[in-house]
Amino acid sequence: MSWSLSISVKTLLVEDNPTIRAHLVPTMRDLADVEVIDVVETESDATYWLASHGGDLHLVVVDLLLKQGSGLGVLRHFRKERPSLALVVLSNYAPAIMRERSMSAGATAVFDKSTELEEFLAFCVSLRPQ
């Protein structure tokens, strides 16, 4: 019998809506083997988190509209500090202009929460460490 250890995708979630978090975190865990290691609600909390946490982090999932600051600011900061990190925008506000701005700010990919959840989860699965 062979055993294989599944290593989950360690993720920071930057999302200020508690209802979305309550549904998204278990969905990401169950369908994409994503381990949300922490959740922050603001741009300043996200930048503080990055400064105070080393270690394994594979993915940051960012909403564009936050209680304080913006997801674009989070993207710029994380891209500067950790250039190889996967940064994904998952937002209900994802028209073409915001997708372009997100990619310019350092996003690896942009997904609309309401219409592209399957694509987002497939992207997460593609990040699983081997």
N, C-alpha and C. Protein backbone atom coordinates (compact mmCIF):
# COMPACT_ATOMS: atom_id res chain seq x y z
N MET A 1 0.85 -1.17 0.00
CA MET A 1 0.00 0.00 0.00
C MET A 1 0.89 1.23 0.00
N SER A 2 0.60 2.18 -0.87
CA SER A 2 1.39 3.40 -0.90
C SER A 2 0.58 4.55 -0.31
N TRP A 3 1.28 5.40 0.40
CA TRP A 3 0.66 6.56 1.02
C TRP A 3 1.21 7.80 0.36
N SER A 4 0.33 8.71 0.04
CA SER A 4 0.83 9.99 -0.46
C SER A 4 0.27 11.09 0.43
N LEU A 5 1.15 11.93 0.85
CA LEU A 5 0.74 13.05 1.67
C LEU A 5 0.35 14.21 0.77
N SER A 6 -0.83 14.71 0.97
CA SER A 6 -1.27 15.86 0.21
C SER A 6 -0.84 17.12 0.96
N ILE A 7 -0.11 17.96 0.29
CA ILE A 7 0.30 19.23 0.88
C ILE A 7 -0.64 20.29 0.36
N SER A 8 -1.32 20.93 1.28
CA SER A 8 -2.32 21.91 0.86
C SER A 8 -1.66 23.22 0.44
N VAL A 9 -2.43 24.00 -0.28
CA VAL A 9 -2.00 25.32 -0.73
C VAL A 9 -2.24 26.30 0.43
N LYS A 10 -1.16 26.76 1.05
CA LYS A 10 -1.27 27.66 2.19
C LYS A 10 -1.60 29.06 1.70
N THR A 11 -2.71 29.60 2.25
CA THR A 11 -3.31 30.80 1.69
C THR A 11 -3.65 31.84 2.75
N LEU A 12 -3.40 33.09 2.39
CA LEU A 12 -3.89 34.23 3.16
C LEU A 12 -5.10 34.78 2.41
N LEU A 13 -6.21 34.96 3.11
CA LEU A 13 -7.42 35.51 2.52
C LEU A 13 -7.60 36.94 3.00
N VAL A 14 -7.72 37.88 2.06
CA VAL A 14 -7.96 39.28 2.37
C VAL A 14 -9.39 39.58 1.93
N GLU A 15 -10.32 39.47 2.89
CA GLU A 15 -11.76 39.57 2.60
C GLU A 15 -12.45 40.14 3.83
N ASP A 16 -13.23 41.20 3.64
CA ASP A 16 -13.86 41.84 4.80
C ASP A 16 -15.31 41.44 5.03
N ASN A 17 -15.88 40.64 4.15
CA ASN A 17 -17.28 40.25 4.29
C ASN A 17 -17.37 38.91 5.02
N PRO A 18 -17.91 38.90 6.25
CA PRO A 18 -17.94 37.64 7.03
C PRO A 18 -18.80 36.56 6.39
N THR A 19 -19.85 36.91 5.70
CA THR A 19 -20.70 35.92 5.04
C THR A 19 -19.94 35.22 3.92
N ILE A 20 -19.23 36.00 3.13
CA ILE A 20 -18.43 35.41 2.05
C ILE A 20 -17.34 34.52 2.63
N ARG A 21 -16.66 35.00 3.67
CA ARG A 21 -15.62 34.18 4.31
C ARG A 21 -16.18 32.85 4.81
N ALA A 22 -17.36 32.90 5.43
CA ALA A 22 -17.96 31.70 6.01
C ALA A 22 -18.24 30.64 4.95
N HIS A 23 -18.52 31.06 3.73
CA HIS A 23 -18.78 30.11 2.64
C HIS A 23 -17.52 29.77 1.85
N LEU A 24 -16.67 30.77 1.66
CA LEU A 24 -15.51 30.59 0.80
C LEU A 24 -14.44 29.69 1.42
N VAL A 25 -14.15 29.88 2.69
CA VAL A 25 -13.07 29.12 3.33
C VAL A 25 -13.33 27.61 3.26
N PRO A 26 -14.52 27.11 3.66
CA PRO A 26 -14.73 25.66 3.55
C PRO A 26 -14.79 25.17 2.10
N THR A 27 -15.28 25.99 1.20
CA THR A 27 -15.32 25.61 -0.22
C THR A 27 -13.91 25.44 -0.76
N MET A 28 -13.04 26.39 -0.43
CA MET A 28 -11.65 26.30 -0.88
C MET A 28 -10.97 25.07 -0.29
N ARG A 29 -11.24 24.79 0.97
CA ARG A 29 -10.63 23.63 1.64
C ARG A 29 -11.13 22.33 1.00
N ASP A 30 -12.43 22.21 0.86
CA ASP A 30 -13.02 20.94 0.42
C ASP A 30 -12.83 20.67 -1.06
N LEU A 31 -12.87 21.69 -1.89
CA LEU A 31 -12.84 21.47 -3.33
C LEU A 31 -11.49 21.73 -3.99
N ALA A 32 -10.57 22.42 -3.29
CA ALA A 32 -9.29 22.73 -3.92
C ALA A 32 -8.10 22.45 -3.02
N ASP A 33 -8.32 21.85 -1.85
CA ASP A 33 -7.25 21.53 -0.91
C ASP A 33 -6.45 22.77 -0.53
N VAL A 34 -7.16 23.87 -0.29
CA VAL A 34 -6.56 25.12 0.12
C VAL A 34 -6.71 25.26 1.63
N GLU A 35 -5.60 25.54 2.30
CA GLU A 35 -5.62 25.78 3.73
C GLU A 35 -5.50 27.28 3.96
N VAL A 36 -6.59 27.90 4.38
CA VAL A 36 -6.55 29.31 4.70
C VAL A 36 -5.89 29.43 6.06
N ILE A 37 -4.65 29.93 6.07
CA ILE A 37 -3.89 30.00 7.32
C ILE A 37 -4.21 31.25 8.13
N ASP A 38 -4.80 32.25 7.47
CA ASP A 38 -5.22 33.45 8.18
C ASP A 38 -6.14 34.27 7.28
N VAL A 39 -6.92 35.13 7.93
CA VAL A 39 -7.83 36.03 7.23
C VAL A 39 -7.62 37.42 7.79
N VAL A 40 -7.50 38.39 6.90
CA VAL A 40 -7.42 39.80 7.30
C VAL A 40 -8.47 40.57 6.51
N GLU A 41 -8.86 41.74 7.04
CA GLU A 41 -9.97 42.48 6.45
C GLU A 41 -9.58 43.79 5.78
N THR A 42 -8.36 44.27 6.00
CA THR A 42 -7.98 45.58 5.48
C THR A 42 -6.61 45.53 4.80
N GLU A 43 -6.33 46.57 4.02
CA GLU A 43 -5.02 46.66 3.38
C GLU A 43 -3.91 46.75 4.42
N SER A 44 -4.09 47.57 5.44
CA SER A 44 -3.04 47.72 6.45
C SER A 44 -2.84 46.42 7.23
N ASP A 45 -3.91 45.68 7.52
CA ASP A 45 -3.76 44.39 8.19
C ASP A 45 -2.98 43.41 7.32
N ALA A 46 -3.22 43.45 6.02
CA ALA A 46 -2.52 42.55 5.10
C ALA A 46 -1.03 42.88 5.04
N THR A 47 -0.68 44.16 4.96
CA THR A 47 0.74 44.52 4.91
C THR A 47 1.43 44.20 6.23
N TYR A 48 0.73 44.42 7.35
CA TYR A 48 1.29 44.06 8.66
C TYR A 48 1.48 42.54 8.75
N TRP A 49 0.50 41.79 8.28
CA TRP A 49 0.59 40.33 8.31
C TRP A 49 1.84 39.86 7.58
N LEU A 50 2.06 40.38 6.39
CA LEU A 50 3.20 39.95 5.59
C LEU A 50 4.52 40.27 6.30
N ALA A 51 4.60 41.44 6.91
CA ALA A 51 5.82 41.84 7.61
C ALA A 51 6.10 40.97 8.83
N SER A 52 5.07 40.42 9.43
CA SER A 52 5.25 39.67 10.67
C SER A 52 5.20 38.15 10.50
N HIS A 53 5.03 37.68 9.28
CA HIS A 53 4.95 36.23 9.04
C HIS A 53 5.90 35.82 7.93
N GLY A 54 6.81 34.96 8.27
CA GLY A 54 7.66 34.34 7.26
C GLY A 54 7.02 33.02 6.89
N GLY A 55 7.82 32.10 6.49
CA GLY A 55 7.33 30.74 6.29
C GLY A 55 6.56 30.54 5.00
N ASP A 56 5.99 29.35 4.94
CA ASP A 56 5.30 28.93 3.73
C ASP A 56 4.02 29.71 3.49
N LEU A 57 3.93 30.26 2.33
CA LEU A 57 2.71 30.89 1.85
C LEU A 57 2.74 30.71 0.34
N HIS A 58 1.68 30.10 -0.20
CA HIS A 58 1.63 29.83 -1.63
C HIS A 58 0.74 30.80 -2.39
N LEU A 59 -0.28 31.32 -1.70
CA LEU A 59 -1.33 32.07 -2.39
C LEU A 59 -1.90 33.14 -1.48
N VAL A 60 -2.20 34.29 -2.08
CA VAL A 60 -2.96 35.33 -1.41
C VAL A 60 -4.19 35.60 -2.27
N VAL A 61 -5.36 35.51 -1.65
CA VAL A 61 -6.63 35.78 -2.34
C VAL A 61 -7.14 37.10 -1.81
N VAL A 62 -7.37 38.05 -2.71
CA VAL A 62 -7.66 39.43 -2.34
C VAL A 62 -8.97 39.89 -2.97
N ASP A 63 -9.82 40.49 -2.15
CA ASP A 63 -10.99 41.21 -2.66
C ASP A 63 -10.52 42.62 -3.00
N LEU A 64 -11.12 43.25 -3.97
CA LEU A 64 -10.71 44.60 -4.35
C LEU A 64 -11.25 45.67 -3.42
N LEU A 65 -12.49 45.48 -2.96
CA LEU A 65 -13.13 46.48 -2.11
C LEU A 65 -13.05 46.03 -0.66
N LEU A 66 -12.31 46.78 0.15
CA LEU A 66 -12.06 46.42 1.54
C LEU A 66 -12.56 47.52 2.48
N LYS A 67 -12.67 47.18 3.77
CA LYS A 67 -13.10 48.17 4.77
C LYS A 67 -12.15 49.35 4.82
N GLN A 68 -10.87 49.08 4.65
CA GLN A 68 -9.85 50.12 4.63
C GLN A 68 -8.86 49.78 3.54
N GLY A 69 -8.47 50.79 2.77
CA GLY A 69 -7.53 50.55 1.69
C GLY A 69 -8.21 49.83 0.54
N SER A 70 -7.39 49.21 -0.29
CA SER A 70 -7.95 48.50 -1.43
C SER A 70 -7.14 47.25 -1.74
N GLY A 71 -7.76 46.37 -2.46
CA GLY A 71 -7.06 45.17 -2.91
C GLY A 71 -5.90 45.50 -3.83
N LEU A 72 -6.01 46.59 -4.58
CA LEU A 72 -4.91 46.99 -5.47
C LEU A 72 -3.67 47.33 -4.65
N GLY A 73 -3.85 48.00 -3.52
CA GLY A 73 -2.72 48.31 -2.64
C GLY A 73 -2.09 47.05 -2.08
N VAL A 74 -2.93 46.08 -1.72
CA VAL A 74 -2.43 44.80 -1.22
C VAL A 74 -1.59 44.12 -2.30
N LEU A 75 -2.10 44.10 -3.53
CA LEU A 75 -1.38 43.46 -4.63
C LEU A 75 -0.01 44.11 -4.83
N ARG A 76 0.02 45.43 -4.89
CA ARG A 76 1.28 46.14 -5.11
C ARG A 76 2.30 45.80 -4.02
N HIS A 77 1.86 45.83 -2.78
CA HIS A 77 2.76 45.58 -1.65
C HIS A 77 3.29 44.14 -1.68
N PHE A 78 2.39 43.18 -1.84
CA PHE A 78 2.81 41.78 -1.82
C PHE A 78 3.69 41.46 -3.02
N ARG A 79 3.39 42.03 -4.20
CA ARG A 79 4.20 41.76 -5.38
C ARG A 79 5.61 42.28 -5.17
N LYS A 80 5.74 43.43 -4.55
CA LYS A 80 7.07 44.02 -4.28
C LYS A 80 7.84 43.17 -3.27
N GLU A 81 7.17 42.75 -2.20
CA GLU A 81 7.84 42.02 -1.13
C GLU A 81 8.08 40.54 -1.44
N ARG A 82 7.17 39.93 -2.17
CA ARG A 82 7.30 38.49 -2.51
C ARG A 82 6.96 38.30 -3.99
N PRO A 83 7.92 38.59 -4.86
CA PRO A 83 7.66 38.59 -6.31
C PRO A 83 7.12 37.29 -6.90
N SER A 84 7.47 36.15 -6.30
CA SER A 84 7.05 34.87 -6.90
C SER A 84 5.74 34.33 -6.35
N LEU A 85 5.14 35.04 -5.39
CA LEU A 85 3.91 34.58 -4.76
C LEU A 85 2.71 34.70 -5.71
N ALA A 86 1.83 33.70 -5.69
CA ALA A 86 0.59 33.76 -6.48
C ALA A 86 -0.38 34.72 -5.79
N LEU A 87 -0.81 35.73 -6.51
CA LEU A 87 -1.75 36.73 -6.00
C LEU A 87 -3.00 36.71 -6.86
N VAL A 88 -4.13 36.38 -6.25
CA VAL A 88 -5.37 36.25 -7.00
C VAL A 88 -6.41 37.23 -6.48
N VAL A 89 -7.03 37.92 -7.41
CA VAL A 89 -8.17 38.78 -7.07
C VAL A 89 -9.42 37.93 -7.23
N LEU A 90 -10.25 37.93 -6.18
CA LEU A 90 -11.55 37.27 -6.21
C LEU A 90 -12.54 38.30 -5.72
N SER A 91 -13.30 38.88 -6.66
CA SER A 91 -14.12 40.04 -6.32
C SER A 91 -15.44 40.02 -7.08
N ASN A 92 -16.44 40.63 -6.49
CA ASN A 92 -17.70 40.84 -7.22
C ASN A 92 -17.58 42.03 -8.16
N TYR A 93 -16.52 42.79 -8.03
CA TYR A 93 -16.30 43.97 -8.85
C TYR A 93 -15.12 43.68 -9.77
N ALA A 94 -15.40 43.03 -10.91
CA ALA A 94 -14.33 42.61 -11.81
C ALA A 94 -14.60 42.96 -13.27
N PRO A 95 -15.01 44.22 -13.56
CA PRO A 95 -15.14 44.60 -14.97
C PRO A 95 -13.76 44.66 -15.62
N ALA A 96 -13.72 44.80 -16.93
CA ALA A 96 -12.46 44.75 -17.68
C ALA A 96 -11.43 45.75 -17.14
N ILE A 97 -11.84 46.96 -16.83
CA ILE A 97 -10.88 47.96 -16.36
C ILE A 97 -10.25 47.55 -15.03
N MET A 98 -11.04 46.94 -14.13
CA MET A 98 -10.48 46.50 -12.85
C MET A 98 -9.59 45.27 -13.02
N ARG A 99 -9.92 44.43 -13.99
CA ARG A 99 -9.04 43.30 -14.29
C ARG A 99 -7.68 43.81 -14.77
N GLU A 100 -7.70 44.81 -15.66
CA GLU A 100 -6.46 45.39 -16.16
C GLU A 100 -5.66 46.04 -15.03
N ARG A 101 -6.33 46.80 -14.18
CA ARG A 101 -5.65 47.46 -13.06
C ARG A 101 -5.07 46.43 -12.09
N SER A 102 -5.83 45.36 -11.87
CA SER A 102 -5.36 44.30 -10.97
C SER A 102 -4.11 43.63 -11.52
N MET A 103 -4.12 43.33 -12.80
CA MET A 103 -2.96 42.69 -13.41
C MET A 103 -1.76 43.65 -13.39
N SER A 104 -1.99 44.92 -13.64
CA SER A 104 -0.91 45.91 -13.58
C SER A 104 -0.35 46.05 -12.17
N ALA A 105 -1.19 45.84 -11.16
CA ALA A 105 -0.75 45.94 -9.76
C ALA A 105 -0.05 44.67 -9.27
N GLY A 106 -0.04 43.63 -10.09
CA GLY A 106 0.70 42.43 -9.72
C GLY A 106 -0.11 41.16 -9.59
N ALA A 107 -1.40 41.19 -9.89
CA ALA A 107 -2.21 39.98 -9.79
C ALA A 107 -1.73 38.92 -10.77
N THR A 108 -1.77 37.68 -10.30
CA THR A 108 -1.48 36.54 -11.16
C THR A 108 -2.71 36.19 -11.99
N ALA A 109 -3.89 36.35 -11.39
CA ALA A 109 -5.16 36.05 -12.06
C ALA A 109 -6.27 36.84 -11.36
N VAL A 110 -7.37 37.03 -12.09
CA VAL A 110 -8.54 37.75 -11.57
C VAL A 110 -9.77 36.91 -11.86
N PHE A 111 -10.63 36.74 -10.83
CA PHE A 111 -11.85 35.96 -10.98
C PHE A 111 -13.01 36.73 -10.36
N ASP A 112 -14.17 36.61 -10.99
CA ASP A 112 -15.41 37.19 -10.47
C ASP A 112 -16.04 36.16 -9.52
N LYS A 113 -16.33 36.58 -8.29
CA LYS A 113 -16.89 35.66 -7.29
C LYS A 113 -18.19 35.03 -7.74
N SER A 114 -19.01 35.80 -8.44
CA SER A 114 -20.35 35.32 -8.76
C SER A 114 -20.41 34.46 -10.02
N THR A 115 -19.41 34.57 -10.91
CA THR A 115 -19.51 33.83 -12.17
C THR A 115 -18.31 32.94 -12.49
N GLU A 116 -17.21 33.08 -11.74
CA GLU A 116 -16.00 32.34 -12.09
C GLU A 116 -15.42 31.55 -10.92
N LEU A 117 -16.26 31.08 -10.05
CA LEU A 117 -15.79 30.33 -8.88
C LEU A 117 -15.14 29.01 -9.28
N GLU A 118 -15.69 28.31 -10.24
CA GLU A 118 -15.09 27.05 -10.69
C GLU A 118 -13.69 27.27 -11.25
N GLU A 119 -13.54 28.33 -12.03
CA GLU A 119 -12.23 28.65 -12.60
C GLU A 119 -11.23 29.01 -11.49
N PHE A 120 -11.72 29.75 -10.50
CA PHE A 120 -10.87 30.11 -9.36
C PHE A 120 -10.40 28.85 -8.63
N LEU A 121 -11.31 27.94 -8.35
CA LEU A 121 -10.95 26.71 -7.65
C LEU A 121 -9.98 25.86 -8.47
N ALA A 122 -10.17 25.81 -9.79
CA ALA A 122 -9.25 25.08 -10.65
C ALA A 122 -7.85 25.71 -10.60
N PHE A 123 -7.80 27.04 -10.56
CA PHE A 123 -6.52 27.72 -10.43
C PHE A 123 -5.84 27.32 -9.11
N CYS A 124 -6.61 27.30 -8.02
CA CYS A 124 -6.07 26.91 -6.72
C CYS A 124 -5.50 25.49 -6.77
N VAL A 125 -6.21 24.58 -7.38
CA VAL A 125 -5.76 23.20 -7.51
C VAL A 125 -4.43 23.15 -8.26
N SER A 126 -4.27 24.00 -9.27
CA SER A 126 -3.04 24.00 -10.07
C SER A 126 -1.82 24.45 -9.26
N LEU A 127 -2.05 25.07 -8.11
CA LEU A 127 -0.94 25.55 -7.27
C LEU A 127 -0.47 24.53 -6.24
N ARG A 128 -1.13 23.40 -6.14
CA ARG A 128 -0.76 22.40 -5.13
C ARG A 128 0.71 22.03 -5.28
N PRO A 129 1.45 22.09 -4.17
CA PRO A 129 2.86 21.66 -4.23
C PRO A 129 2.93 20.17 -4.54
N GLN A 130 3.92 19.80 -5.28
CA GLN A 130 4.08 18.38 -5.66
C GLN A 130 4.93 17.64 -4.67
